Amino acid sequence: MSITAVPIPPTKRGTLTLLWLGIALAVVLAVALAFFGTARAVADKGDNTAFLAYNKTQAGVVETASGLQYRVIKEGAGDLQPTDTDVALINYTGSLRDGSVFDASKQPTPLPVAGVVKGFSEALKTMKKGAKIRAWIKPELGYGEQSPDPAKLPPGSILIFDIELLEFLPESVLRQAQQQQQMQQQLQQQIQGGPPAPGAAPQPQAPPQPAQ
């Protein structure tokens, strides 16, 4: 043996076992990271099918029978949820897969539940008052190839909406409240002697006086 060599002390069997376990764990982690990194890259740069297939595996994401995907950010209160006959008061932001925003409410906005694209309507009907969700709407449940603004919203895009449900009321109740408000405004204008509001009923005329 060379006089400059450093003798290596014998390694215990338990230490060797731990060493091999550590190496095996490192290999497994490396493979997992490579797999998930590749899956994420495919999802980010791949087509809509690849993106949605990856997205539904993420924590908290629910996929419905129609293919709508959503994740609850904040739970709502109560047991009631909007229906097709309701009007929902919401805050929302709509974006694309690359993060660009194509639409956003500047203030609480009333929308008829049945008057929006299918995926948005379905998303609203999963919510309770006060809830916040993020919804991923595939083209078949959104605008499809008929984009209302191709410059901001390319045809065939997945729509990503952050939605906050502030309140919802039956549309019939809302219409009745609007009619009552219009009647009050008309009555107030009549009392003040102003011109009748557009659409107001004509004022009754005094009967003609008999000729003397």
Protein backbone atom coordinates (compact mmCIF):
# COMPACT_ATOMS: atom_id res chain seq x y z
CA MET A 1 0.00 0.00 0.00
CA SER A 2 1.28 3.46 -0.84
CA ILE A 3 2.38 5.45 2.15
CA THR A 4 0.39 8.44 0.82
CA ALA A 5 -2.90 6.58 0.55
CA VAL A 6 -5.56 7.38 3.13
CA PRO A 7 -7.14 4.21 4.44
CA ILE A 8 -10.98 4.19 4.22
CA PRO A 9 -12.62 2.87 7.35
CA PRO A 10 -15.04 -0.03 6.83
CA THR A 11 -18.68 1.03 6.28
CA LYS A 12 -21.39 -0.50 8.39
CA ARG A 13 -24.18 -2.43 6.65
CA GLY A 14 -26.87 -0.06 8.01
CA THR A 15 -25.03 2.93 6.61
CA LEU A 16 -24.84 1.29 3.17
CA THR A 17 -28.57 0.60 3.26
CA LEU A 18 -29.34 4.23 4.05
CA LEU A 19 -26.97 5.32 1.30
CA TRP A 20 -28.71 3.19 -1.31
CA LEU A 21 -32.13 4.34 -0.13
CA GLY A 22 -31.00 7.94 -0.47
CA ILE A 23 -29.75 7.32 -4.01
CA ALA A 24 -33.00 5.57 -4.97
CA LEU A 25 -35.09 8.42 -3.54
CA ALA A 26 -33.03 10.98 -5.44
CA VAL A 27 -33.58 9.07 -8.69
CA VAL A 28 -37.35 8.85 -8.09
CA LEU A 29 -37.56 12.59 -7.35
CA ALA A 30 -35.54 13.42 -10.44
CA VAL A 31 -37.83 11.30 -12.63
CA ALA A 32 -40.94 12.83 -11.04
CA LEU A 33 -39.67 16.37 -11.52
CA ALA A 34 -38.77 15.62 -15.11
CA PHE A 35 -42.21 14.11 -15.75
CA PHE A 36 -44.21 16.91 -14.16
CA GLY A 37 -41.98 19.54 -15.69
CA THR A 38 -42.59 18.02 -19.11
CA ALA A 39 -46.33 17.72 -18.45
CA ARG A 40 -46.52 21.38 -17.42
CA ALA A 41 -44.54 22.45 -20.47
CA VAL A 42 -46.86 20.46 -22.74
CA ALA A 43 -49.88 21.98 -20.99
CA ASP A 44 -48.56 25.53 -21.31
CA LYS A 45 -47.48 25.26 -24.94
CA GLY A 46 -49.70 22.46 -26.19
CA ASP A 47 -53.23 22.53 -27.52
CA ASN A 48 -56.40 23.02 -25.49
CA THR A 49 -56.87 19.29 -24.93
CA ALA A 50 -53.40 18.92 -23.39
CA PHE A 51 -53.91 21.99 -21.23
CA LEU A 52 -57.28 20.86 -19.86
CA ALA A 53 -56.03 17.30 -19.29
CA TYR A 54 -53.21 18.67 -17.16
CA ASN A 55 -55.29 21.35 -15.45
CA LYS A 56 -57.92 18.93 -14.12
CA THR A 57 -55.20 17.08 -12.19
CA GLN A 58 -54.30 20.18 -10.19
CA ALA A 59 -55.27 20.54 -6.54
CA GLY A 60 -58.86 21.65 -5.98
CA VAL A 61 -59.89 21.61 -9.64
CA VAL A 62 -63.29 20.04 -10.32
CA GLU A 63 -64.40 18.95 -13.79
CA THR A 64 -68.14 18.65 -14.48
CA ALA A 65 -69.85 16.30 -16.91
CA SER A 66 -69.91 19.04 -19.57
CA GLY A 67 -66.15 19.59 -19.33
CA LEU A 68 -66.29 22.82 -17.32
CA GLN A 69 -63.40 23.07 -14.87
CA TYR A 70 -63.44 25.26 -11.77
CA ARG A 71 -61.72 25.72 -8.44
CA VAL A 72 -63.33 27.29 -5.37
CA ILE A 73 -61.24 30.16 -4.06
CA LYS A 74 -63.70 31.23 -1.36
CA GLU A 75 -66.72 29.30 -0.15
CA GLY A 76 -70.07 31.07 -0.21
CA ALA A 77 -72.78 31.16 2.44
CA GLY A 78 -76.18 29.48 2.61
CA ASP A 79 -77.67 26.65 0.60
CA LEU A 80 -79.17 28.51 -2.38
CA GLN A 81 -77.52 28.78 -5.78
CA PRO A 82 -78.51 30.78 -8.87
CA THR A 83 -80.80 29.25 -11.48
CA ASP A 84 -81.55 30.11 -15.10
CA THR A 85 -84.35 32.45 -14.01
CA ASP A 86 -82.07 34.57 -11.80
CA VAL A 87 -79.99 37.67 -12.34
CA ALA A 88 -76.56 37.51 -10.67
CA LEU A 89 -74.63 40.52 -9.37
CA ILE A 90 -70.95 39.73 -9.87
CA ASN A 91 -67.40 40.96 -10.17
CA TYR A 92 -65.38 39.16 -12.82
CA THR A 93 -62.13 39.14 -14.79
CA GLY A 94 -61.71 37.17 -18.01
CA SER A 95 -58.27 36.13 -19.23
CA LEU A 96 -56.57 33.74 -21.66
CA ARG A 97 -54.04 30.97 -21.09
CA ASP A 98 -51.17 33.43 -21.56
CA GLY A 99 -52.56 35.64 -18.78
CA SER A 100 -53.77 38.47 -21.01
CA VAL A 101 -57.05 40.02 -19.81
CA PHE A 102 -59.77 40.41 -22.44
CA ASP A 103 -62.59 41.63 -20.20
CA ALA A 104 -63.20 42.77 -16.63
CA SER A 105 -66.01 44.38 -14.68
CA LYS A 106 -65.23 47.88 -13.43
CA GLN A 107 -68.00 47.66 -10.84
CA PRO A 108 -70.52 45.06 -9.64
CA THR A 109 -72.35 43.95 -12.79
CA PRO A 110 -75.81 42.34 -13.06
CA LEU A 111 -75.97 39.50 -15.58
CA PRO A 112 -78.86 37.13 -16.36
CA VAL A 113 -77.69 33.60 -15.58
CA ALA A 114 -79.25 32.28 -18.79
CA GLY A 115 -77.99 35.20 -20.87
CA VAL A 116 -74.27 34.36 -20.94
CA VAL A 117 -72.20 31.62 -22.60
CA LYS A 118 -72.95 28.07 -21.42
CA GLY A 119 -69.78 27.60 -19.42
CA PHE A 120 -70.17 30.90 -17.57
CA SER A 121 -73.80 30.11 -16.79
CA GLU A 122 -72.87 26.67 -15.45
CA ALA A 123 -70.09 28.19 -13.35
CA LEU A 124 -72.51 30.67 -11.78
CA LYS A 125 -74.89 27.85 -10.87
CA THR A 126 -72.15 26.11 -8.86
CA MET A 127 -71.75 29.16 -6.59
CA LYS A 128 -73.36 30.43 -3.42
CA LYS A 129 -73.68 34.02 -2.29
CA GLY A 130 -70.27 35.47 -1.44
CA ALA A 131 -68.32 32.73 -3.23
CA LYS A 132 -65.28 33.26 -5.45
CA ILE A 133 -64.16 30.75 -8.06
CA ARG A 134 -61.84 30.43 -11.02
CA ALA A 135 -63.43 28.73 -14.03
CA TRP A 136 -61.78 27.29 -17.14
CA ILE A 137 -64.28 27.27 -20.00
CA LYS A 138 -63.41 25.22 -23.06
CA PRO A 139 -64.32 26.68 -26.47
CA GLU A 140 -67.37 24.43 -26.86
CA LEU A 141 -68.85 26.03 -23.72
CA GLY A 142 -67.64 29.53 -24.60
CA TYR A 143 -67.49 31.41 -27.88
CA GLY A 144 -66.11 28.54 -29.94
CA GLU A 145 -64.83 29.83 -33.26
CA GLN A 146 -67.20 32.84 -33.21
CA SER A 147 -65.16 35.31 -31.19
CA PRO A 148 -66.89 38.65 -30.47
CA ASP A 149 -63.49 40.39 -30.62
CA PRO A 150 -60.82 38.37 -32.48
CA ALA A 151 -58.15 40.99 -31.73
CA LYS A 152 -58.42 40.37 -27.98
CA LEU A 153 -60.00 36.93 -27.99
CA PRO A 154 -58.67 34.54 -30.64
CA PRO A 155 -61.25 32.05 -31.96
CA GLY A 156 -61.15 28.69 -30.20
CA SER A 157 -59.77 30.13 -26.95
CA ILE A 158 -60.17 28.68 -23.48
CA LEU A 159 -61.79 31.36 -21.31
CA ILE A 160 -60.46 31.71 -17.76
CA PHE A 161 -62.76 33.65 -15.44
CA ASP A 162 -62.31 34.77 -11.86
CA ILE A 163 -65.86 35.28 -10.58
CA GLU A 164 -67.21 36.70 -7.32
CA LEU A 165 -70.94 36.24 -6.70
CA LEU A 166 -72.21 39.17 -4.63
CA GLU A 167 -75.95 38.57 -4.86
CA PHE A 168 -78.62 36.98 -7.03
CA LEU A 169 -82.36 37.53 -7.41
CA PRO A 170 -85.13 36.05 -9.53
CA GLU A 171 -85.45 38.05 -12.74
CA SER A 172 -89.19 38.55 -12.11
CA VAL A 173 -88.46 40.19 -8.74
CA LEU A 174 -85.84 42.43 -10.30
CA ARG A 175 -88.22 43.52 -13.08
CA GLN A 176 -90.94 44.27 -10.55
CA ALA A 177 -88.51 46.40 -8.53
CA GLN A 178 -87.47 48.27 -11.68
CA GLN A 179 -91.12 48.94 -12.59
CA GLN A 180 -91.83 50.25 -9.10
CA GLN A 181 -88.80 52.52 -9.31
CA GLN A 182 -89.97 53.89 -12.67
CA MET A 183 -93.45 54.53 -11.28
CA GLN A 184 -91.98 56.39 -8.31
CA GLN A 185 -89.86 58.55 -10.62
CA GLN A 186 -92.87 59.37 -12.80
CA LEU A 187 -94.98 60.25 -9.77
CA GLN A 188 -92.24 62.49 -8.40
CA GLN A 189 -91.95 64.31 -11.73
CA GLN A 190 -95.71 64.84 -11.84
CA ILE A 191 -95.72 66.27 -8.31
CA GLN A 192 -92.88 68.63 -9.19
CA GLY A 193 -94.68 69.71 -12.36
CA GLY A 194 -92.02 68.44 -14.71
CA PRO A 195 -92.59 66.71 -18.03
CA PRO A 196 -93.67 63.07 -17.84
CA ALA A 197 -90.98 60.45 -18.11
CA PRO A 198 -90.61 58.64 -21.44
CA GLY A 199 -93.26 55.96 -21.69
CA ALA A 200 -95.41 57.48 -18.97
CA ALA A 201 -99.18 57.25 -19.32
CA PRO A 202 -100.87 60.41 -20.70
CA GLN A 203 -102.33 62.73 -18.09
CA PRO A 204 -106.15 62.73 -17.76
CA GLN A 205 -107.78 65.80 -19.28
CA ALA A 206 -110.54 67.79 -17.59
CA PRO A 207 -113.98 67.24 -19.19
CA PRO A 208 -115.12 70.04 -21.54
CA GLN A 209 -117.41 72.67 -20.01
CA PRO A 210 -120.90 73.08 -21.55
CA ALA A 211 -121.36 76.17 -23.73
CA GLN A 212 -123.17 79.10 -22.08
